[in-house]
Protein backbone atom coordinates (compact mmCIF):
# COMPACT_ATOMS: atom_id res chain seq x y z
CA MET A 1 -6.53 -48.09 168.29
CA ALA A 2 -5.92 -45.87 165.26
CA SER A 3 -7.61 -42.61 165.97
CA LEU A 4 -9.80 -40.48 163.50
CA ASN A 5 -6.82 -38.19 163.43
CA ASP A 6 -4.44 -41.15 162.28
CA SER A 7 -6.98 -41.89 159.24
CA MET A 8 -6.99 -38.27 158.44
CA VAL A 9 -2.98 -38.43 158.02
CA ILE A 10 -3.57 -41.62 156.00
CA ALA A 11 -5.91 -39.85 153.54
CA ARG A 12 -3.51 -36.92 153.50
CA SER A 13 -0.56 -39.13 152.60
CA ALA A 14 -2.70 -40.62 149.75
CA ILE A 15 -3.57 -37.12 148.17
CA LEU A 16 0.08 -36.15 148.21
CA ALA A 17 1.26 -39.18 146.45
CA HIS A 18 -1.46 -39.54 143.96
CA GLN A 19 -0.71 -35.75 143.41
CA ASP A 20 3.18 -36.31 142.77
CA ARG A 21 2.06 -39.37 140.68
CA LEU A 22 -0.14 -37.10 138.30
CA ALA A 23 2.81 -34.66 138.35
CA VAL A 24 5.02 -37.35 136.85
CA ILE A 25 2.53 -38.24 134.33
CA SER A 26 1.94 -34.63 133.08
CA HIS A 27 5.66 -34.45 132.94
CA ASN A 28 5.53 -37.59 130.55
CA ILE A 29 2.68 -36.01 128.26
CA ALA A 30 4.45 -32.41 128.22
CA ASN A 31 7.91 -34.12 126.99
CA VAL A 32 6.19 -36.54 124.27
CA ASN A 33 8.27 -35.00 121.50
CA THR A 34 11.41 -34.17 123.45
CA PRO A 35 14.38 -36.20 121.88
CA GLY A 36 15.93 -38.55 124.12
CA TYR A 37 13.30 -38.60 126.79
CA HIS A 38 12.72 -41.43 128.78
CA ARG A 39 8.94 -41.71 130.32
CA GLN A 40 9.53 -41.80 134.17
CA ARG A 41 7.12 -43.89 136.89
CA ALA A 42 6.29 -43.10 140.37
CA LEU A 43 6.65 -45.70 142.51
CA LEU A 44 4.42 -46.15 145.34
CA GLU A 45 5.35 -47.77 148.69
CA THR A 46 3.56 -48.00 152.23
CA ASN A 47 4.63 -45.71 154.73
CA PRO A 48 6.13 -47.07 157.84
CA PRO A 49 3.54 -48.30 160.17
CA ILE A 50 3.11 -47.30 163.94
CA GLN A 51 4.23 -50.11 165.80
CA SER A 52 2.34 -51.04 169.00
CA THR A 53 3.78 -49.98 172.36
CA MET A 54 3.88 -51.70 175.96
CA LEU A 55 1.49 -48.60 176.82
CA GLU A 56 -1.16 -49.88 174.34
CA THR A 57 -3.80 -52.70 174.48
CA ARG A 58 -3.32 -53.40 170.59
CA ARG A 59 -1.13 -56.13 169.48
CA TYR A 60 -1.02 -55.10 165.62
CA ASP A 61 0.80 -51.97 163.66
CA VAL A 62 -1.14 -49.40 162.29
CA GLY A 63 -0.73 -48.45 158.96
CA THR A 64 0.21 -44.80 158.03
CA GLY A 65 -0.89 -44.53 154.27
CA VAL A 66 1.25 -44.36 151.33
CA ARG A 67 4.16 -42.41 149.56
CA VAL A 68 6.12 -41.98 146.54
CA ALA A 69 9.15 -44.23 147.17
CA ASP A 70 11.31 -42.95 143.98
CA VAL A 71 10.74 -41.81 140.54
CA VAL A 72 12.21 -44.07 137.85
CA ARG A 73 13.11 -43.92 134.26
CA VAL A 74 11.85 -46.58 131.89
CA TYR A 75 15.26 -47.57 130.61
CA ASP A 76 16.87 -50.99 128.98
CA ARG A 77 20.54 -50.99 129.51
CA MET A 78 21.21 -53.85 126.85
CA LYS A 79 18.92 -51.96 123.80
CA GLU A 80 20.55 -48.61 124.82
CA MET A 81 24.19 -49.94 124.50
CA LEU A 82 23.49 -51.81 121.49
CA LEU A 83 21.98 -48.66 119.95
CA LEU A 84 24.97 -46.47 121.10
CA ASP A 85 27.57 -49.00 119.50
CA GLU A 86 25.69 -49.12 116.30
CA GLN A 87 25.30 -45.56 115.94
CA SER A 88 28.90 -45.30 116.45
CA SER A 89 29.57 -47.76 113.77
CA ALA A 90 26.84 -46.18 111.43
CA ALA A 91 28.53 -42.82 111.88
CA SER A 92 31.82 -44.25 110.82
CA HIS A 93 30.58 -46.01 107.82
CA GLY A 94 28.70 -42.93 106.81
CA ALA A 95 31.36 -40.59 107.21
CA SER A 96 34.08 -43.04 105.39
CA ARG A 97 31.37 -43.39 102.43
CA ASP A 98 31.34 -39.65 101.75
CA ALA A 99 35.12 -39.19 101.93
CA LEU A 100 35.82 -42.20 99.89
CA GLN A 101 33.56 -40.48 97.20
CA VAL A 102 35.79 -37.69 96.78
CA LEU A 103 38.94 -40.05 97.07
CA GLU A 104 37.47 -42.18 94.39
CA SER A 105 36.96 -39.29 92.02
CA ILE A 106 40.72 -38.37 92.77
CA VAL A 107 42.21 -41.60 92.11
CA GLY A 108 40.02 -42.62 89.10
CA GLY A 109 39.10 -39.62 87.54
CA ALA A 110 36.28 -39.34 84.72
CA GLY A 111 36.42 -39.33 81.00
CA GLU A 112 39.32 -37.52 79.24
CA ALA A 113 40.65 -36.56 82.57
CA ALA A 114 40.98 -39.95 83.99
CA LEU A 115 44.60 -40.86 84.48
CA GLY A 116 44.14 -44.11 82.66
CA THR A 117 42.83 -42.34 79.49
CA GLN A 118 45.79 -40.17 79.81
CA MET A 119 48.21 -43.12 80.09
CA ASP A 120 46.67 -44.98 77.02
CA ARG A 121 47.24 -41.75 74.96
CA PHE A 122 50.89 -41.70 76.06
CA TRP A 123 51.67 -45.14 75.08
CA SER A 124 49.45 -44.67 71.62
CA ALA A 125 51.74 -41.67 70.84
CA TRP A 126 55.00 -43.77 71.19
CA GLN A 127 53.34 -46.36 69.20
CA ASP A 128 52.40 -43.77 66.50
CA LEU A 129 56.11 -42.21 66.66
CA ALA A 130 57.61 -45.68 65.86
CA ASN A 131 55.64 -45.72 62.73
CA HIS A 132 56.70 -42.12 61.88
CA SER A 133 59.75 -41.33 63.53
CA ASP A 134 60.72 -38.76 61.06
CA ASP A 135 57.62 -36.71 61.43
CA LEU A 136 57.97 -33.76 63.83
CA ALA A 137 54.34 -33.18 64.17
CA TYR A 138 54.02 -36.96 65.58
CA ARG A 139 56.79 -36.00 67.96
CA GLY A 140 54.82 -32.84 69.15
CA VAL A 141 52.10 -35.08 69.95
CA LEU A 142 53.95 -37.22 72.02
CA VAL A 143 55.30 -34.21 73.92
CA GLU A 144 51.77 -32.76 74.43
CA ARG A 145 50.62 -36.34 75.77
CA ALA A 146 53.61 -36.55 78.02
CA VAL A 147 52.97 -33.34 79.54
CA ALA A 148 49.03 -33.90 79.89
CA MET A 149 49.79 -37.40 81.58
CA THR A 150 52.46 -35.91 83.96
CA ASP A 151 50.48 -33.20 84.61
CA SER A 152 47.55 -35.41 85.59
CA LEU A 153 49.96 -37.38 87.73
CA ARG A 154 51.18 -34.71 89.64
CA GLU A 155 47.67 -33.23 89.95
CA ALA A 156 46.12 -36.67 91.41
CA ARG A 157 49.20 -36.90 93.73
CA GLY A 158 48.41 -33.08 94.85
CA ARG A 159 44.78 -33.47 95.14
CA ILE A 160 45.38 -36.73 97.34
CA ALA A 161 47.67 -34.59 99.52
CA ASN A 162 45.21 -32.13 99.81
CA PHE A 163 42.57 -34.32 100.79
CA ARG A 164 44.55 -35.90 103.57
CA ASN A 165 45.38 -32.18 104.88
CA GLU A 166 41.34 -31.52 104.62
CA LEU A 167 41.21 -34.58 106.93
CA ALA A 168 44.21 -34.26 109.27
CA GLY A 169 46.43 -31.49 108.10
CA GLY A 170 49.04 -29.87 109.98
CA ASP A 171 51.72 -31.14 112.46
CA ALA A 172 52.59 -31.06 116.14
CA VAL A 173 54.58 -27.93 115.40
CA SER A 174 51.94 -25.68 113.67
CA GLY A 175 49.05 -27.36 115.13
CA PHE A 176 46.83 -30.02 114.07
CA THR A 177 43.92 -29.04 111.69
CA GLY A 178 41.19 -30.49 109.61
CA LEU A 179 38.23 -32.57 110.21
CA LEU A 180 40.10 -34.80 112.67
CA ALA A 181 41.08 -32.10 114.95
CA THR A 182 37.38 -30.66 114.77
CA ASP A 183 36.13 -33.86 115.83
CA VAL A 184 38.70 -34.36 118.52
CA ASP A 185 37.76 -30.63 119.90
CA ALA A 186 34.17 -32.04 119.87
CA VAL A 187 34.99 -35.10 121.80
CA ASN A 188 36.62 -33.19 124.41
CA SER A 189 33.69 -30.37 124.52
CA ILE A 190 31.13 -33.10 124.90
CA ALA A 191 33.00 -34.98 127.68
CA ALA A 192 33.23 -31.73 129.58
CA ASN A 193 29.51 -31.59 129.35
CA ILE A 194 28.98 -35.04 130.72
CA GLN A 195 31.33 -34.28 133.56
CA SER A 196 28.96 -31.40 134.69
CA VAL A 197 26.03 -33.63 134.21
CA ASN A 198 27.76 -36.42 136.10
CA GLN A 199 28.75 -33.88 138.98
CA ARG A 200 25.15 -32.74 139.36
CA LEU A 201 24.09 -36.48 139.54
CA SER A 202 26.60 -36.94 142.16
CA LEU A 203 25.02 -34.62 144.27
CA THR A 204 21.60 -36.34 144.16
CA LEU A 205 20.49 -38.44 147.06
CA SER A 206 18.26 -40.56 145.19
CA MET A 207 16.90 -41.36 141.72
CA PHE A 208 14.15 -38.98 142.44
CA GLY A 209 14.31 -36.22 140.01
CA SER A 210 17.50 -37.58 138.35
CA GLY A 211 15.67 -38.80 135.30
CA ASP A 212 15.77 -35.60 133.23
CA LEU A 213 19.48 -35.27 134.15
CA ARG A 214 20.29 -39.05 132.96
CA ASP A 215 18.37 -38.20 129.78
CA GLN A 216 20.66 -35.35 129.18
CA ARG A 217 23.62 -37.46 129.71
CA ASP A 218 22.39 -39.98 127.62
CA GLN A 219 22.02 -37.64 124.76
CA LEU A 220 25.65 -36.42 125.27
CA ILE A 221 26.85 -39.95 125.50
CA SER A 222 25.09 -40.55 122.07
CA GLU A 223 26.71 -37.56 120.39
CA LEU A 224 30.03 -38.78 121.88
CA GLY A 225 29.65 -42.06 120.40
CA LYS A 226 29.26 -40.81 116.94
CA GLN A 227 32.44 -39.25 117.19
CA ILE A 228 34.55 -41.76 118.62
CA ASP A 229 33.79 -45.43 119.73
CA ILE A 230 33.23 -45.37 123.51
CA ALA A 231 32.29 -47.76 126.43
CA VAL A 232 29.93 -46.63 129.15
CA ASP A 233 30.12 -49.42 132.30
CA THR A 234 27.00 -49.45 134.49
CA ALA A 235 28.32 -46.91 136.88
CA GLY A 236 28.55 -44.40 134.29
CA ASN A 237 32.44 -44.20 133.32
CA VAL A 238 32.97 -43.37 130.04
CA THR A 239 36.25 -45.18 128.52
CA VAL A 240 38.05 -44.79 124.81
CA ASP A 241 39.97 -47.99 124.14
CA GLY A 242 40.18 -48.91 127.85
CA GLN A 243 41.39 -45.63 129.00
CA LEU A 244 39.04 -43.28 131.02
CA LEU A 245 37.79 -40.12 129.38
CA VAL A 246 35.14 -38.99 132.29
CA SER A 247 34.42 -40.48 135.37
CA ALA A 248 31.11 -41.65 136.78
CA ASP A 249 31.37 -39.15 139.59
CA GLY A 250 32.59 -36.10 137.31
CA LEU A 251 35.64 -35.83 139.37
CA THR A 252 37.99 -36.93 136.64
CA LEU A 253 38.28 -35.44 133.03
CA ASN A 254 40.82 -36.30 130.52
CA ALA A 255 41.29 -34.82 127.29
CA LEU A 256 41.83 -36.62 123.84
CA SER A 257 44.69 -35.25 121.72
CA ILE A 258 46.43 -35.67 118.33
CA THR A 259 50.20 -36.71 118.78
CA ASP A 260 50.71 -37.56 115.17
CA VAL A 261 49.16 -37.90 111.66
CA SER A 262 52.12 -38.38 109.38
CA ALA A 263 51.75 -42.04 109.41
CA GLY A 264 48.24 -42.87 110.39
CA VAL A 265 46.47 -41.21 113.24
CA GLN A 266 48.11 -41.08 116.64
CA LEU A 267 45.83 -40.35 119.53
CA GLU A 268 46.59 -39.79 123.22
CA LEU A 269 44.40 -40.09 126.41
CA ASP A 270 45.81 -39.60 129.90
CA GLY A 271 49.12 -40.01 128.57
CA ALA A 272 48.14 -43.60 126.86
CA ALA A 273 47.96 -44.37 123.08
CA VAL A 274 44.37 -45.19 122.12
CA THR A 275 42.93 -46.46 118.80
CA ALA A 276 39.80 -45.18 117.33
CA THR A 277 37.80 -47.71 115.05
CA GLY A 278 34.11 -46.06 115.28
CA GLY A 279 32.65 -42.98 114.79
CA ARG A 280 33.87 -39.93 112.78
CA ILE A 281 37.38 -40.38 114.10
CA GLY A 282 37.43 -44.05 113.54
CA ALA A 283 36.31 -43.18 109.86
CA TRP A 284 39.07 -40.45 109.40
CA THR A 285 41.50 -43.11 110.67
CA ALA A 286 40.71 -45.54 108.14
CA VAL A 287 40.17 -43.39 105.23
CA LEU A 288 43.72 -41.57 105.98
CA GLY A 289 45.06 -45.10 105.47
CA ILE A 290 43.41 -45.54 102.43
CA ALA A 291 44.36 -42.35 101.14
CA ASP A 292 48.11 -42.95 102.13
CA SER A 293 47.97 -46.34 100.16
CA ALA A 294 46.52 -44.70 97.27
CA ALA A 295 49.49 -41.89 97.19
CA GLN A 296 52.20 -44.43 97.86
CA GLY A 297 50.74 -46.33 94.68
CA LEU A 298 51.19 -43.52 92.41
CA ASP A 299 54.36 -42.67 93.83
CA VAL A 300 55.37 -46.57 92.91
CA PHE A 301 53.57 -46.44 89.61
CA ALA A 302 55.44 -42.82 88.55
CA ALA A 303 58.95 -44.20 90.00
CA GLU A 304 58.67 -47.36 88.06
CA LEU A 305 57.36 -45.33 84.61
CA ILE A 306 60.18 -42.67 85.07
CA ALA A 307 63.00 -45.51 85.49
CA GLN A 308 61.74 -47.92 82.54
CA VAL A 309 61.33 -44.96 80.02
CA ASN A 310 64.41 -43.24 80.71
CA ALA A 311 66.13 -46.82 80.65
CA VAL A 312 65.25 -47.23 77.14
CA HIS A 313 65.63 -43.35 76.25
CA ASN A 314 69.10 -42.64 77.99
CA SER A 315 71.77 -44.53 76.17
CA ASP A 316 73.89 -44.35 79.70
CA LEU A 317 71.25 -46.15 81.15
CA SER A 318 70.17 -48.76 78.55
CA THR A 319 70.73 -52.15 78.38
CA THR A 320 69.15 -53.16 74.99
CA GLY A 321 71.67 -50.63 73.16
CA ASP A 322 72.03 -46.86 72.33
CA ALA A 323 69.12 -44.50 71.15
CA TYR A 324 69.47 -41.89 68.86
CA ASP A 325 67.42 -38.55 68.54
CA LEU A 326 66.12 -37.25 64.94
CA ASP A 327 69.62 -35.46 64.17
CA GLY A 328 71.44 -38.89 64.76
CA ASN A 329 73.08 -37.86 68.07
CA ARG A 330 73.30 -40.87 70.73
CA SER A 331 70.91 -39.60 73.42
CA THR A 332 72.20 -39.49 77.04
CA ILE A 333 69.31 -37.36 78.38
CA ASP A 334 66.24 -38.83 80.45
CA PHE A 335 62.87 -38.47 78.88
CA PHE A 336 61.55 -38.10 82.41
CA THR A 337 62.62 -35.95 85.47
CA GLY A 338 61.64 -36.42 88.93
CA THR A 339 61.57 -39.77 91.24
CA SER A 340 57.79 -39.69 92.09
CA ALA A 341 54.17 -38.61 91.32
CA THR A 342 54.89 -35.60 93.22
CA ASP A 343 57.50 -34.33 90.64
CA ILE A 344 57.38 -36.09 87.66
CA ALA A 345 57.73 -34.25 84.54
CA ILE A 346 59.17 -34.28 80.92
CA ASN A 347 62.79 -33.35 80.68
CA THR A 348 63.11 -29.65 79.92
CA ALA A 349 65.69 -30.24 77.75
CA ILE A 350 62.71 -31.45 75.25
CA CYS A 351 60.01 -29.25 76.75
CA ASP A 352 60.06 -26.43 78.97
CA PRO A 353 56.75 -25.80 80.49
CA ALA A 354 57.92 -22.36 81.49
CA ASP A 355 58.52 -21.27 77.84
CA PRO A 356 55.78 -23.17 75.61
CA LEU A 357 58.02 -21.88 72.62
CA ASP A 358 61.00 -23.76 73.80
CA ARG A 359 60.27 -27.37 72.71
CA HIS A 360 62.82 -29.60 71.05
CA PRO A 361 60.71 -32.70 69.80
CA GLU A 362 63.56 -33.75 67.69
CA ARG A 363 65.80 -34.52 70.94
CA ILE A 364 63.01 -37.62 71.39
CA ALA A 365 65.29 -40.86 70.95
CA ALA A 366 63.26 -42.93 68.91
CA ALA A 367 65.83 -44.84 66.87
CA ALA A 368 68.06 -47.66 67.46
CA THR A 369 70.68 -47.18 64.80
CA ARG A 370 72.22 -44.35 62.50
CA PHE A 371 72.73 -44.57 58.74
CA SER A 372 76.19 -43.49 59.47
CA ALA A 373 78.27 -42.66 62.57
CA GLY A 374 79.92 -39.69 60.66
CA PRO A 375 81.14 -37.30 61.31
CA PRO A 376 78.91 -35.59 61.14
CA PRO A 377 76.35 -38.45 62.04
CA VAL A 378 74.02 -39.35 59.61
CA PRO A 379 70.51 -40.05 61.15
CA ASN A 380 68.43 -43.20 60.20
CA ALA A 381 65.15 -40.79 60.17
CA GLY A 382 62.80 -44.03 59.52
CA ASP A 383 64.00 -45.89 62.44
CA GLY A 384 61.60 -46.14 65.06
CA ALA A 385 62.69 -48.95 67.03
CA LYS A 386 63.32 -47.32 70.29
CA ALA A 387 59.81 -45.72 70.14
CA LEU A 388 58.45 -49.20 69.91
CA GLU A 389 60.44 -50.45 72.85
CA ILE A 390 59.18 -47.93 74.91
CA ALA A 391 55.60 -48.64 73.47
CA ASP A 392 55.69 -52.02 74.26
CA LEU A 393 56.57 -51.11 78.08
CA ALA A 394 52.84 -50.76 78.36
CA SER A 395 52.20 -54.45 78.24
CA VAL A 396 54.85 -55.53 80.62
CA ARG A 397 54.01 -57.18 84.00
CA ARG A 398 56.29 -55.74 86.57
CA ALA A 399 57.06 -57.27 89.98
CA THR A 400 57.48 -53.38 91.45
CA LEU A 401 53.58 -53.03 90.27
CA ALA A 402 52.33 -56.23 91.82
CA ASN A 403 53.02 -58.37 88.92
CA GLN A 404 50.79 -55.86 86.80
CA THR A 405 51.18 -53.75 83.84
CA PHE A 406 51.13 -50.02 83.93
CA GLY A 407 47.37 -49.80 83.03
CA GLY A 408 46.47 -52.94 84.91
CA PHE A 409 48.16 -51.29 88.35
CA LEU A 410 46.31 -48.02 87.91
CA ALA A 411 43.32 -49.77 87.34
CA ALA A 412 43.77 -51.81 90.32
CA GLN A 413 44.40 -48.72 92.36
CA ALA A 414 41.17 -47.27 91.27
CA ALA A 415 39.35 -50.39 91.57
CA ALA A 416 40.64 -50.92 95.37
CA VAL A 417 38.97 -47.39 96.18
CA GLY A 418 36.05 -48.05 94.59
CA ALA A 419 35.60 -51.45 96.20
CA GLN A 420 35.97 -49.97 99.72
CA LEU A 421 33.55 -47.42 98.59
CA GLN A 422 31.09 -49.82 97.79
CA GLU A 423 31.66 -51.67 101.22
CA GLU A 424 31.37 -48.62 103.16
CA THR A 425 28.50 -47.57 101.25
CA ALA A 426 26.79 -50.80 102.12
CA LEU A 427 27.60 -50.92 105.53
CA ALA A 428 26.31 -47.54 106.08
CA GLY A 429 22.86 -48.15 104.64
CA ASP A 430 22.72 -51.25 106.79
CA GLY A 431 23.96 -49.46 109.81
CA ASP A 432 21.14 -46.75 109.20
CA LEU A 433 18.54 -49.50 109.20
CA ILE A 434 19.75 -51.25 112.41
CA VAL A 435 20.04 -47.85 114.21
CA GLN A 436 16.34 -46.96 112.98
CA MET A 437 15.12 -50.29 114.06
CA LEU A 438 16.88 -50.21 117.63
CA THR A 439 15.59 -46.52 117.97
CA ASP A 440 12.13 -47.66 117.40
CA ALA A 441 12.79 -50.56 119.62
CA VAL A 442 14.05 -48.10 122.71
CA GLN A 443 11.13 -45.73 121.50
CA GLY A 444 8.71 -48.28 121.92
CA GLU A 445 9.77 -49.37 125.21
CA SER A 446 11.06 -46.08 126.77
CA GLY A 447 9.40 -43.30 124.92
CA VAL A 448 5.79 -41.73 126.05
CA ASN A 449 2.89 -43.32 124.71
CA LEU A 450 -0.13 -41.04 125.09
CA ASP A 451 -2.58 -43.55 125.15
CA GLU A 452 -0.83 -45.26 127.87
CA GLU A 453 -0.61 -42.04 129.87
CA MET A 454 -4.12 -41.32 129.59
CA VAL A 455 -4.96 -44.83 131.38
CA GLU A 456 -2.45 -43.79 134.01
CA MET A 457 -3.49 -40.41 134.59
CA LEU A 458 -7.01 -41.68 134.89
CA THR A 459 -6.20 -44.24 137.63
CA ALA A 460 -3.99 -41.81 139.43
CA GLN A 461 -7.14 -39.18 139.14
CA ARG A 462 -9.53 -41.98 140.60
CA ALA A 463 -7.27 -42.64 143.51
CA TYR A 464 -6.83 -38.71 144.08
CA GLU A 465 -10.41 -38.13 144.04
CA SER A 466 -10.96 -41.26 146.35
CA ALA A 467 -8.40 -39.95 148.86
CA ALA A 468 -9.79 -36.52 148.73
CA ARG A 469 -13.33 -38.02 149.15
CA LEU A 470 -11.89 -40.16 152.41
CA PHE A 471 -10.29 -36.70 153.74
CA SER A 472 -13.50 -34.96 153.25
CA THR A 473 -15.57 -37.47 154.89
CA LEU A 474 -13.20 -37.66 157.90
CA ASP A 475 -13.18 -33.93 158.07
CA GLU A 476 -17.04 -33.91 158.29
CA LEU A 477 -16.81 -36.83 161.03
CA MET A 478 -14.27 -34.59 163.05
CA ASN A 479 -16.89 -31.72 163.02
CA THR A 480 -19.43 -33.90 164.02
CA ILE A 481 -17.55 -34.73 166.91
CA ILE A 482 -16.46 -31.24 168.07
CA ASN A 483 -20.14 -30.13 167.54
CA GLY A 484 -21.58 -32.89 169.47
CA LEU A 485 -18.82 -32.20 172.29
CA GLY A 486 -20.00 -28.51 172.55
CA ARG A 487 -23.31 -29.05 173.27
């Protein structure tokens, strides 16, 4: 039969178990405002019983009390993984929205500085010249507007290049820079911290005491997901696009690297190409594609503008007849130089930007005829047919411009960026709401509720007091027996 000493052992186990239980409750209360903390619960189980032996008359096992089997986190994997995915998506849309706001201002412009406005004024100047071809003042206005328009084109193209450089500048030789490189470095830094936590977790023999480490890892994984879309399996392995970033045991850590940004973003992990679709890195990948498309659109626009205006202005290129300047000379010069939006400019033979006084608006070929071929040639100063032909280019739809006019193509380019911005703004707003909803759901289930903890604490306190009272009673009985035997 069980002895009085066995009962004291049982009482002692209860005191220790509920003491540990109170410690866990206190830990929860202390971390009520700690970000990422999951409340913990002490799981109680009976101690292994003392089984009967052949030397004893009893046939039953004797209980030995209670113990804390483990301390576990309250954790809902499904909700946590949904939250991780939504955080990554929301971070991506938010970063895209902020970047596209800048890109929209570059492509669309505003007021007088808008590229579309500059183009309208350019065509209008040709129309005015057609009606006043012999007036140097109108020719001077055309020169000024052409310079302003080409300056705006080059500036917009340059600003897109600078925008791209801010996101993912550099190259494999000089080293990648910009926000993309910063966020790739952040991924590798966070992954290294996760590796350290995983190594410490792998040394724990049970869940007991590992809850705080797991919370720390979850916080790091949450931050990692905001940088790039990741997957975390049930063991704790973290992957990017199917490639291992950091192993659950912390023995493997692979570095994410940039291999190219010249045509989209090329990333590599453990020697394999990976694609980012979420997080800030996913945002930069998408926005760079939009920026490259906008830059290409400006280059196509500028190349077509150069070709079409020069084809009318330069008699050697014209299929509709010769063009003549104000002096009656057959024009063999281009109005524009350059091949794209990066270098488009008015011909220095007409206007040299390096010398404001070196302007020759009389060389603009506005006429389709001469009064007399001469020699010397006698100009037909009132002929503005070629100027009108160039002005009419504004209303012609062109295959190279997606079957749109020059103005329509520019407007469509700006509208495309604006539409993408509106979409990302809506998605970012929706994503923030979903993240907040899931965060509340996770917090409601896994966070610390002070009312619940107080109830749990009172229950543990009563159990502790009962065990202490039992131990005190047994101690009194033991003293009574000892004192009785001593008489």
